[in-house]
C-alpha atoms as a PDB file:
ATOM      1  CA  MET A   1      -1.792   8.298  -1.832  1.00  0.00           C
ATOM      2  CA  ALA A   2      -3.120   7.937   1.720  1.00  0.00           C
ATOM      3  CA  PHE A   3      -2.873   9.666   5.080  1.00  0.00           C
ATOM      4  CA  SER A   4       0.607  10.611   6.326  1.00  0.00           C
ATOM      5  CA  GLY A   5       1.523   9.939   9.944  1.00  0.00           C
ATOM      6  CA  THR A   6       0.287   7.460  12.503  1.00  0.00           C
ATOM      7  CA  ALA A   7      -3.368   7.450  13.494  1.00  0.00           C
ATOM      8  CA  ALA A   8      -4.175   7.798  17.183  1.00  0.00           C
ATOM      9  CA  VAL A   9      -7.770   6.553  17.433  1.00  0.00           C
ATOM     10  CA  LYS A  10      -9.561   7.354  20.698  1.00  0.00           C
ATOM     11  CA  GLN A  11     -13.051   6.196  21.549  1.00  0.00           C
ATOM     12  CA  ILE A  12     -14.801   9.129  23.293  1.00  0.00           C
ATOM     13  CA  SER A  13     -18.188   7.439  23.692  1.00  0.00           C
ATOM     14  CA  ASP A  14     -20.041   4.622  21.970  1.00  0.00           C
ATOM     15  CA  ARG A  15     -20.922   7.108  19.188  1.00  0.00           C
ATOM     16  CA  ILE A  16     -17.887   9.427  19.015  1.00  0.00           C
ATOM     17  CA  VAL A  17     -14.322   8.704  17.864  1.00  0.00           C
ATOM     18  CA  ARG A  18     -11.433  11.190  17.763  1.00  0.00           C
ATOM     19  CA  ILE A  19      -8.555  10.587  15.339  1.00  0.00           C
ATOM     20  CA  THR A  20      -5.303  12.562  15.521  1.00  0.00           C
ATOM     21  CA  GLY A  21      -1.758  12.237  14.164  1.00  0.00           C
ATOM     22  CA  LEU A  22      -2.670  12.328  10.473  1.00  0.00           C
ATOM     23  CA  SER A  23      -2.120  14.795   7.657  1.00  0.00           C
ATOM     24  CA  LEU A  24      -2.477  14.711   3.877  1.00  0.00           C
ATOM     25  CA  VAL A  25       0.081  15.706   1.249  1.00  0.00           C
ATOM     26  CA  ALA A  26      -1.145  17.920  -1.610  1.00  0.00           C
ATOM     27  CA  GLY A  27      -3.852  16.206  -3.641  1.00  0.00           C
ATOM     28  CA  ALA A  28      -3.868  13.086  -1.436  1.00  0.00           C
ATOM     29  CA  SER A  29      -6.888  11.260  -0.015  1.00  0.00           C
ATOM     30  CA  GLY A  30      -7.222   9.153   3.103  1.00  0.00           C
ATOM     31  CA  THR A  31     -10.077   6.849   4.046  1.00  0.00           C
ATOM     32  CA  ILE A  32     -11.880   5.930   7.260  1.00  0.00           C
ATOM     33  CA  GLY A  33     -14.081   2.840   7.463  1.00  0.00           C
ATOM     34  CA  LEU A  34     -16.303   1.179  10.001  1.00  0.00           C
ATOM     35  CA  PHE A  35     -14.863  -1.777  11.916  1.00  0.00           C
ATOM     36  CA  ALA A  36     -16.630  -4.316   9.667  1.00  0.00           C
ATOM     37  CA  ASN A  37     -15.517  -2.641   6.412  1.00  0.00           C
ATOM     38  CA  SER A  38     -14.653  -5.379   3.917  1.00  0.00           C
ATOM     39  CA  GLY A  39     -11.971  -3.278   2.198  1.00  0.00           C
ATOM     40  CA  SER A  40      -8.735  -1.764   3.435  1.00  0.00           C
ATOM     41  CA  PRO A  41      -9.520   1.709   4.785  1.00  0.00           C
ATOM     42  CA  GLY A  42      -6.567   3.803   5.935  1.00  0.00           C
ATOM     43  CA  VAL A  43      -8.160   4.025   9.383  1.00  0.00           C
ATOM     44  CA  ARG A  44     -10.591   1.482  10.776  1.00  0.00           C
ATOM     45  CA  LEU A  45     -12.969   2.717  13.485  1.00  0.00           C
ATOM     46  CA  PRO A  46     -13.142   0.650  16.679  1.00  0.00           C
ATOM     47  CA  GLU A  47     -15.682  -2.154  16.948  1.00  0.00           C
ATOM     48  CA  ALA A  48     -17.217  -0.291  19.928  1.00  0.00           C
ATOM     49  CA  PHE A  49     -18.255   2.612  17.630  1.00  0.00           C
ATOM     50  CA  LYS A  50     -21.993   1.908  17.492  1.00  0.00           C
ATOM     51  CA  THR A  51     -23.966   2.399  14.300  1.00  0.00           C
ATOM     52  CA  ILE A  52     -27.438   1.114  13.592  1.00  0.00           C
ATOM     53  CA  HIS A  53     -29.762   1.288  10.654  1.00  0.00           C
ATOM     54  CA  TYR A  54     -33.017   2.930  11.639  1.00  0.00           C
ATOM     55  CA  ALA A  55     -36.061   4.329   9.895  1.00  0.00           C
ATOM     56  CA  ALA A  56     -37.369   7.868   9.999  1.00  0.00           C
ATOM     57  CA  GLU A  57     -40.617   8.848   8.350  1.00  0.00           C
ATOM     58  CA  GLY A  58     -40.970   5.338   6.964  1.00  0.00           C
ATOM     59  CA  SER A  59     -37.624   4.967   5.221  1.00  0.00           C
ATOM     60  CA  ASN A  60     -34.116   3.862   6.155  1.00  0.00           C
ATOM     61  CA  VAL A  61     -31.734   6.675   7.144  1.00  0.00           C
ATOM     62  CA  PRO A  62     -28.479   6.158   5.195  1.00  0.00           C
ATOM     63  CA  PHE A  63     -25.114   6.293   6.963  1.00  0.00           C
ATOM     64  CA  GLN A  64     -24.205   9.377   4.888  1.00  0.00           C
ATOM     65  CA  ASP A  65     -26.941  11.242   6.773  1.00  0.00           C
ATOM     66  CA  CYS A  66     -26.360   9.932  10.288  1.00  0.00           C
ATOM     67  CA  ILE A  67     -22.539   9.720  10.461  1.00  0.00           C
ATOM     68  CA  GLU A  68     -20.819  13.091  10.685  1.00  0.00           C
ATOM     69  CA  CYS A  69     -17.106  13.673  10.058  1.00  0.00           C
ATOM     70  CA  THR A  70     -15.378  16.958  10.832  1.00  0.00           C
ATOM     71  CA  THR A  71     -11.736  17.967  10.458  1.00  0.00           C
ATOM     72  CA  LYS A  72      -9.706  20.821  11.865  1.00  0.00           C
ATOM     73  CA  ALA A  73      -6.046  21.734  11.977  1.00  0.00           C
ATOM     74  CA  ALA A  74      -4.360  20.367  15.099  1.00  0.00           C
ATOM     75  CA  ALA A  75      -0.982  22.052  14.750  1.00  0.00           C
ATOM     76  CA  THR A  76       0.414  25.306  16.065  1.00  0.00           C
ATOM     77  CA  GLY A  77       1.618  28.036  13.747  1.00  0.00           C
ATOM     78  CA  VAL A  78      -0.543  27.034  10.768  1.00  0.00           C
ATOM     79  CA  ALA A  79      -0.172  29.961   8.375  1.00  0.00           C
ATOM     80  CA  THR A  80      -2.186  28.727   5.401  1.00  0.00           C
ATOM     81  CA  ALA A  81      -5.656  27.248   5.525  1.00  0.00           C
ATOM     82  CA  ILE A  82      -5.657  23.979   3.589  1.00  0.00           C
ATOM     83  CA  PRO A  83      -9.082  23.021   2.220  1.00  0.00           C
ATOM     84  CA  LEU A  84     -10.082  19.423   2.896  1.00  0.00           C
ATOM     85  CA  ALA A  85     -13.068  17.757   1.243  1.00  0.00           C
ATOM     86  CA  VAL A  86     -15.024  15.121   3.183  1.00  0.00           C
ATOM     87  CA  VAL A  87     -17.089  12.679   1.119  1.00  0.00           C
ATOM     88  CA  LYS A  88     -19.120   9.780   2.543  1.00  0.00           C
ATOM     89  CA  GLY A  89     -20.176   6.805   0.464  1.00  0.00           C
ATOM     90  CA  GLY A  90     -21.534   3.289   0.791  1.00  0.00           C
ATOM     91  CA  SER A  91     -24.662   2.093   2.509  1.00  0.00           C
ATOM     92  CA  THR A  92     -23.724  -0.859   4.719  1.00  0.00           C
ATOM     93  CA  THR A  93     -21.235  -1.525   7.496  1.00  0.00           C
ATOM     94  CA  LEU A  94     -19.225  -3.470   4.888  1.00  0.00           C
ATOM     95  CA  ASP A  95     -18.826  -0.660   2.352  1.00  0.00           C
ATOM     96  CA  PHE A  96     -19.396   2.669   4.164  1.00  0.00           C
ATOM     97  CA  LEU A  97     -16.296   4.832   3.707  1.00  0.00           C
ATOM     98  CA  ILE A  98     -15.326   8.396   4.591  1.00  0.00           C
ATOM     99  CA  THR A  99     -12.823   9.874   2.138  1.00  0.00           C
ATOM    100  CA  ILE A 100     -10.929  13.017   3.150  1.00  0.00           C
ATOM    101  CA  THR A 101      -9.046  14.783   0.336  1.00  0.00           C
ATOM    102  CA  ASN A 102      -6.521  17.614   0.467  1.00  0.00           C
ATOM    103  CA  THR A 103      -7.736  19.800  -2.396  1.00  0.00           C
ATOM    104  CA  HIS A 104      -4.696  22.099  -2.342  1.00  0.00           C
ATOM    105  CA  GLY A 105      -2.416  21.617  -5.332  1.00  0.00           C
ATOM    106  CA  THR A 106       0.957  22.151  -3.689  1.00  0.00           C
ATOM    107  CA  LEU A 107       0.741  22.246   0.125  1.00  0.00           C
ATOM    108  CA  ALA A 108       0.333  19.453   2.645  1.00  0.00           C
ATOM    109  CA  SER A 109      -2.268  19.814   5.362  1.00  0.00           C
ATOM    110  CA  PRO A 110      -1.162  20.232   8.950  1.00  0.00           C
ATOM    111  CA  ASP A 111      -1.936  17.393  11.346  1.00  0.00           C
ATOM    112  CA  GLN A 112      -5.691  17.054  11.713  1.00  0.00           C
ATOM    113  CA  GLU A 113      -8.146  16.371  14.499  1.00  0.00           C
ATOM    114  CA  ILE A 114     -10.867  14.247  12.913  1.00  0.00           C
ATOM    115  CA  MET A 115     -14.112  13.666  14.779  1.00  0.00           C
ATOM    116  CA  VAL A 116     -16.489  10.936  13.632  1.00  0.00           C
ATOM    117  CA  ARG A 117     -19.945  10.962  15.224  1.00  0.00           C
ATOM    118  CA  PHE A 118     -23.025   8.798  14.786  1.00  0.00           C
ATOM    119  CA  HIS A 119     -26.316  10.502  15.523  1.00  0.00           C
ATOM    120  CA  ASP A 120     -29.923   9.422  15.331  1.00  0.00           C
END
């Protein structure tokens, strides 16, 4: 199962994107991919979100290390904290994917504010 709701994707800067309007039912996962992702991510980041491969200390820095994804509840009156797991995988603009999973067995998450940042 995927995200519930309608994603509102807002470009904050060339390296920051804010996503709102989404939640996850119990046990569900939703995915976020870069613009050039060759699959079908639940949310596709804008083309203007700038990522580059660069080297530090002589080796390539993988996207898992330089793209950060944070989530927080964006609803009023949230009584129960719902744990969400964020996992990043893939190594190219074609296959990099952020997977956010609601790890609670019976409760849906409230709407989330998801921030995706690229840093070097």
